[in-house]
Amino acid sequence: EFERAMIRERTSAGLAAARAEGRIGGRRKKLDAAKRREIAESVITGRKSGAEMARLYNISAPTVSRIVAQHRSDLA
C-alpha cells in the first residue's frame, strides 16, 4: 500500500512537471492541420471523394467524414 501511494505521488508530480513545460499527454495526430485542411477542401469542392482521400492518406473513411464535418463547423 505504502509503495503504491509513493508511485502514485511520483507519477502525479511527473505529469504536473510535464504540463508545466507545456507538454500534453496522448497520442500525436496522424495528420497536421495543413493536411486536414487539404482533405476537407478537396472533398467539399468535389475534386476528390472521401474514399479517395482516405486511401491517399491511409486513414479510414469515417475519419475523412469527421475531418470534413469539423472543417465545415469551423467555417460556420
PDB file of N, CA and C in Angstrom:
ATOM      1  N   GLU A   1       0.815  -1.193   0.000  1.00  0.00           N
ATOM      2  CA  GLU A   1       0.000   0.000   0.000  1.00  0.00           C
ATOM      3  C   GLU A   1       0.861   1.261   0.000  1.00  0.00           C
ATOM      4  N   PHE A   2       1.832   1.269   0.890  1.00  0.00           N
ATOM      5  CA  PHE A   2       2.685   2.446   1.002  1.00  0.00           C
ATOM      6  C   PHE A   2       3.444   2.678  -0.297  1.00  0.00           C
ATOM      7  N   GLU A   3       3.982   1.599  -0.858  1.00  0.00           N
ATOM      8  CA  GLU A   3       4.747   1.731  -2.111  1.00  0.00           C
ATOM      9  C   GLU A   3       3.839   2.226  -3.235  1.00  0.00           C
ATOM     10  N   ARG A   4       2.626   1.746  -3.270  1.00  0.00           N
ATOM     11  CA  ARG A   4       1.674   2.173  -4.296  1.00  0.00           C
ATOM     12  C   ARG A   4       1.380   3.671  -4.163  1.00  0.00           C
ATOM     13  N   ALA A   5       1.238   4.143  -2.959  1.00  0.00           N
ATOM     14  CA  ALA A   5       0.997   5.569  -2.723  1.00  0.00           C
ATOM     15  C   ALA A   5       2.195   6.396  -3.176  1.00  0.00           C
ATOM     16  N   MET A   6       3.398   5.876  -2.945  1.00  0.00           N
ATOM     17  CA  MET A   6       4.615   6.584  -3.364  1.00  0.00           C
ATOM     18  C   MET A   6       4.676   6.670  -4.895  1.00  0.00           C
ATOM     19  N   ILE A   7       4.339   5.573  -5.556  1.00  0.00           N
ATOM     20  CA  ILE A   7       4.342   5.553  -7.025  1.00  0.00           C
ATOM     21  C   ILE A   7       3.324   6.555  -7.558  1.00  0.00           C
ATOM     22  N   ARG A   8       2.134   6.564  -6.968  1.00  0.00           N
ATOM     23  CA  ARG A   8       1.083   7.488  -7.395  1.00  0.00           C
ATOM     24  C   ARG A   8       1.542   8.939  -7.223  1.00  0.00           C
ATOM     25  N   GLU A   9       2.196   9.224  -6.120  1.00  0.00           N
ATOM     26  CA  GLU A   9       2.683  10.577  -5.849  1.00  0.00           C
ATOM     27  C   GLU A   9       3.748  10.993  -6.868  1.00  0.00           C
ATOM     28  N   ARG A  10       4.695  10.098  -7.154  1.00  0.00           N
ATOM     29  CA  ARG A  10       5.747  10.413  -8.133  1.00  0.00           C
ATOM     30  C   ARG A  10       5.172  10.592  -9.530  1.00  0.00           C
ATOM     31  N   THR A  11       4.190   9.771  -9.877  1.00  0.00           N
ATOM     32  CA  THR A  11       3.556   9.888 -11.187  1.00  0.00           C
ATOM     33  C   THR A  11       2.841  11.229 -11.316  1.00  0.00           C
ATOM     34  N   SER A  12       2.099  11.607 -10.299  1.00  0.00           N
ATOM     35  CA  SER A  12       1.395  12.893 -10.327  1.00  0.00           C
ATOM     36  C   SER A  12       2.368  14.052 -10.441  1.00  0.00           C
ATOM     37  N   ALA A  13       3.473  13.972  -9.717  1.00  0.00           N
ATOM     38  CA  ALA A  13       4.478  15.037  -9.775  1.00  0.00           C
ATOM     39  C   ALA A  13       5.095  15.119 -11.169  1.00  0.00           C
ATOM     40  N   GLY A  14       5.364  13.970 -11.768  1.00  0.00           N
ATOM     41  CA  GLY A  14       5.940  13.944 -13.115  1.00  0.00           C
ATOM     42  C   GLY A  14       4.997  14.520 -14.153  1.00  0.00           C
ATOM     43  N   LEU A  15       3.723  14.169 -14.066  1.00  0.00           N
ATOM     44  CA  LEU A  15       2.735  14.701 -15.003  1.00  0.00           C
ATOM     45  C   LEU A  15       2.576  16.207 -14.834  1.00  0.00           C
ATOM     46  N   ALA A  16       2.584  16.672 -13.596  1.00  0.00           N
ATOM     47  CA  ALA A  16       2.463  18.111 -13.346  1.00  0.00           C
ATOM     48  C   ALA A  16       3.669  18.857 -13.912  1.00  0.00           C
ATOM     49  N   ALA A  17       4.860  18.278 -13.750  1.00  0.00           N
ATOM     50  CA  ALA A  17       6.069  18.908 -14.287  1.00  0.00           C
ATOM     51  C   ALA A  17       6.015  18.963 -15.807  1.00  0.00           C
ATOM     52  N   ALA A  18       5.528  17.896 -16.433  1.00  0.00           N
ATOM     53  CA  ALA A  18       5.426  17.868 -17.893  1.00  0.00           C
ATOM     54  C   ALA A  18       4.442  18.927 -18.377  1.00  0.00           C
ATOM     55  N   ARG A  19       3.304  19.066 -17.690  1.00  0.00           N
ATOM     56  CA  ARG A  19       2.323  20.086 -18.066  1.00  0.00           C
ATOM     57  C   ARG A  19       2.902  21.484 -17.908  1.00  0.00           C
ATOM     58  N   ALA A  20       3.702  21.679 -16.866  1.00  0.00           N
ATOM     59  CA  ALA A  20       4.317  22.986 -16.632  1.00  0.00           C
ATOM     60  C   ALA A  20       5.279  23.350 -17.763  1.00  0.00           C
ATOM     61  N   GLU A  21       5.879  22.330 -18.392  1.00  0.00           N
ATOM     62  CA  GLU A  21       6.791  22.559 -19.517  1.00  0.00           C
ATOM     63  C   GLU A  21       6.045  22.688 -20.839  1.00  0.00           C
ATOM     64  N   GLY A  22       4.718  22.556 -20.792  1.00  0.00           N
ATOM     65  CA  GLY A  22       3.927  22.726 -22.000  1.00  0.00           C
ATOM     66  C   GLY A  22       3.638  21.447 -22.758  1.00  0.00           C
ATOM     67  N   ARG A  23       4.056  20.314 -22.231  1.00  0.00           N
ATOM     68  CA  ARG A  23       3.777  19.045 -22.907  1.00  0.00           C
ATOM     69  C   ARG A  23       2.418  18.527 -22.477  1.00  0.00           C
ATOM     70  N   ILE A  24       1.782  17.816 -23.391  1.00  0.00           N
ATOM     71  CA  ILE A  24       0.497  17.212 -23.071  1.00  0.00           C
ATOM     72  C   ILE A  24       0.577  15.732 -23.377  1.00  0.00           C
ATOM     73  N   GLY A  25      -0.234  14.948 -22.720  1.00  0.00           N
ATOM     74  CA  GLY A  25      -0.218  13.510 -22.922  1.00  0.00           C
ATOM     75  C   GLY A  25      -1.058  13.106 -24.109  1.00  0.00           C
ATOM     76  N   GLY A  26      -1.003  11.845 -24.432  1.00  0.00           N
ATOM     77  CA  GLY A  26      -1.831  11.311 -25.503  1.00  0.00           C
ATOM     78  C   GLY A  26      -1.075  11.093 -26.792  1.00  0.00           C
ATOM     79  N   ARG A  27      -1.761  10.465 -27.701  1.00  0.00           N
ATOM     80  CA  ARG A  27      -1.174  10.114 -28.980  1.00  0.00           C
ATOM     81  C   ARG A  27      -1.117  11.337 -29.886  1.00  0.00           C
ATOM     82  N   ARG A  28      -0.071  11.413 -30.687  1.00  0.00           N
ATOM     83  CA  ARG A  28       0.059  12.516 -31.635  1.00  0.00           C
ATOM     84  C   ARG A  28      -0.915  12.325 -32.789  1.00  0.00           C
ATOM     85  N   LYS A  29      -1.338  13.427 -33.382  1.00  0.00           N
ATOM     86  CA  LYS A  29      -2.226  13.379 -34.541  1.00  0.00           C
ATOM     87  C   LYS A  29      -1.460  12.820 -35.732  1.00  0.00           C
ATOM     88  N   LYS A  30      -2.135  12.014 -36.531  1.00  0.00           N
ATOM     89  CA  LYS A  30      -1.507  11.441 -37.712  1.00  0.00           C
ATOM     90  C   LYS A  30      -1.357  12.497 -38.803  1.00  0.00           C
ATOM     91  N   LEU A  31      -2.315  13.413 -38.878  1.00  0.00           N
ATOM     92  CA  LEU A  31      -2.318  14.446 -39.911  1.00  0.00           C
ATOM     93  C   LEU A  31      -2.197  15.821 -39.275  1.00  0.00           C
ATOM     94  N   ASP A  32      -1.332  16.644 -39.841  1.00  0.00           N
ATOM     95  CA  ASP A  32      -1.218  18.002 -39.318  1.00  0.00           C
ATOM     96  C   ASP A  32      -2.368  18.859 -39.860  1.00  0.00           C
ATOM     97  N   ALA A  33      -2.430  20.092 -39.408  1.00  0.00           N
ATOM     98  CA  ALA A  33      -3.550  20.974 -39.759  1.00  0.00           C
ATOM     99  C   ALA A  33      -3.628  21.228 -41.263  1.00  0.00           C
ATOM    100  N   ALA A  34      -2.483  21.362 -41.930  1.00  0.00           N
ATOM    101  CA  ALA A  34      -2.477  21.630 -43.372  1.00  0.00           C
ATOM    102  C   ALA A  34      -3.068  20.454 -44.151  1.00  0.00           C
ATOM    103  N   LYS A  35      -2.711  19.235 -43.765  1.00  0.00           N
ATOM    104  CA  LYS A  35      -3.244  18.056 -44.458  1.00  0.00           C
ATOM    105  C   LYS A  35      -4.736  17.907 -44.198  1.00  0.00           C
ATOM    106  N   ARG A  36      -5.159  18.190 -42.967  1.00  0.00           N
ATOM    107  CA  ARG A  36      -6.585  18.110 -42.644  1.00  0.00           C
ATOM    108  C   ARG A  36      -7.372  19.120 -43.473  1.00  0.00           C
ATOM    109  N   ARG A  37      -6.826  20.326 -43.624  1.00  0.00           N
ATOM    110  CA  ARG A  37      -7.480  21.363 -44.429  1.00  0.00           C
ATOM    111  C   ARG A  37      -7.545  20.922 -45.887  1.00  0.00           C
ATOM    112  N   GLU A  38      -6.451  20.345 -46.397  1.00  0.00           N
ATOM    113  CA  GLU A  38      -6.419  19.885 -47.791  1.00  0.00           C
ATOM    114  C   GLU A  38      -7.469  18.803 -48.034  1.00  0.00           C
ATOM    115  N   ILE A  39      -7.581  17.863 -47.104  1.00  0.00           N
ATOM    116  CA  ILE A  39      -8.578  16.796 -47.230  1.00  0.00           C
ATOM    117  C   ILE A  39      -9.980  17.396 -47.273  1.00  0.00           C
ATOM    118  N   ALA A  40     -10.280  18.270 -46.323  1.00  0.00           N
ATOM    119  CA  ALA A  40     -11.618  18.861 -46.243  1.00  0.00           C
ATOM    120  C   ALA A  40     -11.950  19.654 -47.501  1.00  0.00           C
ATOM    121  N   GLU A  41     -11.025  20.472 -47.957  1.00  0.00           N
ATOM    122  CA  GLU A  41     -11.298  21.300 -49.133  1.00  0.00           C
ATOM    123  C   GLU A  41     -11.447  20.458 -50.394  1.00  0.00           C
ATOM    124  N   SER A  42     -10.653  19.390 -50.522  1.00  0.00           N
ATOM    125  CA  SER A  42     -10.761  18.516 -51.693  1.00  0.00           C
ATOM    126  C   SER A  42     -12.114  17.822 -51.746  1.00  0.00           C
ATOM    127  N   VAL A  43     -12.590  17.375 -50.600  1.00  0.00           N
ATOM    128  CA  VAL A  43     -13.877  16.674 -50.559  1.00  0.00           C
ATOM    129  C   VAL A  43     -15.028  17.659 -50.747  1.00  0.00           C
ATOM    130  N   ILE A  44     -14.956  18.812 -50.099  1.00  0.00           N
ATOM    131  CA  ILE A  44     -16.044  19.797 -50.189  1.00  0.00           C
ATOM    132  C   ILE A  44     -16.188  20.330 -51.610  1.00  0.00           C
ATOM    133  N   THR A  45     -15.063  20.608 -52.277  1.00  0.00           N
ATOM    134  CA  THR A  45     -15.128  21.142 -53.638  1.00  0.00           C
ATOM    135  C   THR A  45     -15.434  20.068 -54.673  1.00  0.00           C
ATOM    136  N   GLY A  46     -15.319  18.802 -54.288  1.00  0.00           N
ATOM    137  CA  GLY A  46     -15.630  17.719 -55.210  1.00  0.00           C
ATOM    138  C   GLY A  46     -14.467  17.275 -56.074  1.00  0.00           C
ATOM    139  N   ARG A  47     -13.272  17.781 -55.804  1.00  0.00           N
ATOM    140  CA  ARG A  47     -12.110  17.348 -56.585  1.00  0.00           C
ATOM    141  C   ARG A  47     -11.808  15.874 -56.370  1.00  0.00           C
ATOM    142  N   LYS A  48     -11.988  15.418 -55.129  1.00  0.00           N
ATOM    143  CA  LYS A  48     -11.766  14.007 -54.812  1.00  0.00           C
ATOM    144  C   LYS A  48     -12.860  13.548 -53.861  1.00  0.00           C
ATOM    145  N   SER A  49     -13.132  12.248 -53.905  1.00  0.00           N
ATOM    146  CA  SER A  49     -14.141  11.702 -52.997  1.00  0.00           C
ATOM    147  C   SER A  49     -13.507  11.429 -51.635  1.00  0.00           C
ATOM    148  N   GLY A  50     -14.361  11.212 -50.658  1.00  0.00           N
ATOM    149  CA  GLY A  50     -13.869  10.883 -49.327  1.00  0.00           C
ATOM    150  C   GLY A  50     -13.077   9.592 -49.325  1.00  0.00           C
ATOM    151  N   ALA A  51     -13.536   8.609 -50.104  1.00  0.00           N
ATOM    152  CA  ALA A  51     -12.841   7.324 -50.175  1.00  0.00           C
ATOM    153  C   ALA A  51     -11.457   7.481 -50.800  1.00  0.00           C
ATOM    154  N   GLU A  52     -11.353   8.324 -51.827  1.00  0.00           N
ATOM    155  CA  GLU A  52     -10.048   8.563 -52.456  1.00  0.00           C
ATOM    156  C   GLU A  52      -9.077   9.208 -51.475  1.00  0.00           C
ATOM    157  N   MET A  53      -9.565  10.188 -50.732  1.00  0.00           N
ATOM    158  CA  MET A  53      -8.703  10.858 -49.760  1.00  0.00           C
ATOM    159  C   MET A  53      -8.301   9.899 -48.642  1.00  0.00           C
ATOM    160  N   ALA A  54      -9.215   9.022 -48.255  1.00  0.00           N
ATOM    161  CA  ALA A  54      -8.905   8.034 -47.222  1.00  0.00           C
ATOM    162  C   ALA A  54      -7.785   7.110 -47.685  1.00  0.00           C
ATOM    163  N   ARG A  55      -7.873   6.645 -48.923  1.00  0.00           N
ATOM    164  CA  ARG A  55      -6.812   5.777 -49.459  1.00  0.00           C
ATOM    165  C   ARG A  55      -5.500   6.531 -49.593  1.00  0.00           C
ATOM    166  N   LEU A  56      -5.567   7.762 -50.068  1.00  0.00           N
ATOM    167  CA  LEU A  56      -4.372   8.567 -50.297  1.00  0.00           C
ATOM    168  C   LEU A  56      -3.595   8.812 -49.002  1.00  0.00           C
ATOM    169  N   TYR A  57      -4.309   9.091 -47.920  1.00  0.00           N
ATOM    170  CA  TYR A  57      -3.654   9.406 -46.648  1.00  0.00           C
ATOM    171  C   TYR A  57      -3.628   8.232 -45.671  1.00  0.00           C
ATOM    172  N   ASN A  58      -4.097   7.071 -46.122  1.00  0.00           N
ATOM    173  CA  ASN A  58      -4.091   5.861 -45.301  1.00  0.00           C
ATOM    174  C   ASN A  58      -4.850   6.071 -43.978  1.00  0.00           C
ATOM    175  N   ILE A  59      -6.054   6.607 -44.106  1.00  0.00           N
ATOM    176  CA  ILE A  59      -6.942   6.788 -42.962  1.00  0.00           C
ATOM    177  C   ILE A  59      -8.300   6.199 -43.326  1.00  0.00           C
ATOM    178  N   SER A  60      -9.179   6.065 -42.356  1.00  0.00           N
ATOM    179  CA  SER A  60     -10.485   5.475 -42.640  1.00  0.00           C
ATOM    180  C   SER A  60     -11.448   6.516 -43.207  1.00  0.00           C
ATOM    181  N   ALA A  61     -12.473   6.026 -43.900  1.00  0.00           N
ATOM    182  CA  ALA A  61     -13.486   6.914 -44.474  1.00  0.00           C
ATOM    183  C   ALA A  61     -14.226   7.706 -43.389  1.00  0.00           C
ATOM    184  N   PRO A  62     -14.577   7.082 -42.250  1.00  0.00           N
ATOM    185  CA  PRO A  62     -15.213   7.878 -41.195  1.00  0.00           C
ATOM    186  C   PRO A  62     -14.315   9.013 -40.676  1.00  0.00           C
ATOM    187  N   THR A  63     -13.011   8.799 -40.688  1.00  0.00           N
ATOM    188  CA  THR A  63     -12.094   9.863 -40.269  1.00  0.00           C
ATOM    189  C   THR A  63     -12.172  11.027 -41.242  1.00  0.00           C
ATOM    190  N   VAL A  64     -12.255  10.725 -42.537  1.00  0.00           N
ATOM    191  CA  VAL A  64     -12.391  11.784 -43.542  1.00  0.00           C
ATOM    192  C   VAL A  64     -13.693  12.541 -43.308  1.00  0.00           C
ATOM    193  N   SER A  65     -14.771  11.821 -43.060  1.00  0.00           N
ATOM    194  CA  SER A  65     -16.065  12.467 -42.800  1.00  0.00           C
ATOM    195  C   SER A  65     -15.992  13.372 -41.579  1.00  0.00           C
ATOM    196  N   ARG A  66     -15.314  12.904 -40.545  1.00  0.00           N
ATOM    197  CA  ARG A  66     -15.169  13.695 -39.323  1.00  0.00           C
ATOM    198  C   ARG A  66     -14.354  14.958 -39.589  1.00  0.00           C
ATOM    199  N   ILE A  67     -13.285  14.840 -40.382  1.00  0.00           N
ATOM    200  CA  ILE A  67     -12.452  15.997 -40.727  1.00  0.00           C
ATOM    201  C   ILE A  67     -13.273  17.020 -41.505  1.00  0.00           C
ATOM    202  N   VAL A  68     -14.056  16.553 -42.476  1.00  0.00           N
ATOM    203  CA  VAL A  68     -14.876  17.451 -43.296  1.00  0.00           C
ATOM    204  C   VAL A  68     -15.926  18.149 -42.427  1.00  0.00           C
ATOM    205  N   ALA A  69     -16.588  17.390 -41.552  1.00  0.00           N
ATOM    206  CA  ALA A  69     -17.610  17.977 -40.677  1.00  0.00           C
ATOM    207  C   ALA A  69     -16.999  19.020 -39.749  1.00  0.00           C
ATOM    208  N   GLN A  70     -15.835  18.723 -39.216  1.00  0.00           N
ATOM    209  CA  GLN A  70     -15.178  19.674 -38.321  1.00  0.00           C
ATOM    210  C   GLN A  70     -14.777  20.935 -39.079  1.00  0.00           C
ATOM    211  N   HIS A  71     -14.301  20.764 -40.307  1.00  0.00           N
ATOM    212  CA  HIS A  71     -13.901  21.911 -41.128  1.00  0.00           C
ATOM    213  C   HIS A  71     -15.116  22.796 -41.423  1.00  0.00           C
ATOM    214  N   ARG A  72     -16.243  22.156 -41.750  1.00  0.00           N
ATOM    215  CA  ARG A  72     -17.462  22.922 -42.035  1.00  0.00           C
ATOM    216  C   ARG A  72     -17.931  23.691 -40.806  1.00  0.00           C
ATOM    217  N   SER A  73     -17.854  23.063 -39.638  1.00  0.00           N
ATOM    218  CA  SER A  73     -18.298  23.755 -38.419  1.00  0.00           C
ATOM    219  C   SER A  73     -17.348  24.892 -38.053  1.00  0.00           C
ATOM    220  N   ASP A  74     -16.062  24.746 -38.372  1.00  0.00           N
ATOM    221  CA  ASP A  74     -15.104  25.822 -38.117  1.00  0.00           C
ATOM    222  C   ASP A  74     -15.379  27.018 -39.014  1.00  0.00           C
ATOM    223  N   LEU A  75     -15.867  26.752 -40.236  1.00  0.00           N
ATOM    224  CA  LEU A  75     -16.154  27.831 -41.175  1.00  0.00           C
ATOM    225  C   LEU A  75     -17.446  28.564 -40.821  1.00  0.00           C
ATOM    226  N   ALA A  76     -18.362  27.852 -40.197  1.00  0.00           N
ATOM    227  CA  ALA A  76     -19.676  28.442 -39.876  1.00  0.00           C
ATOM    228  C   ALA A  76     -19.623  29.412 -38.726  1.00  0.00           C
TER     229      ALA A  76
END
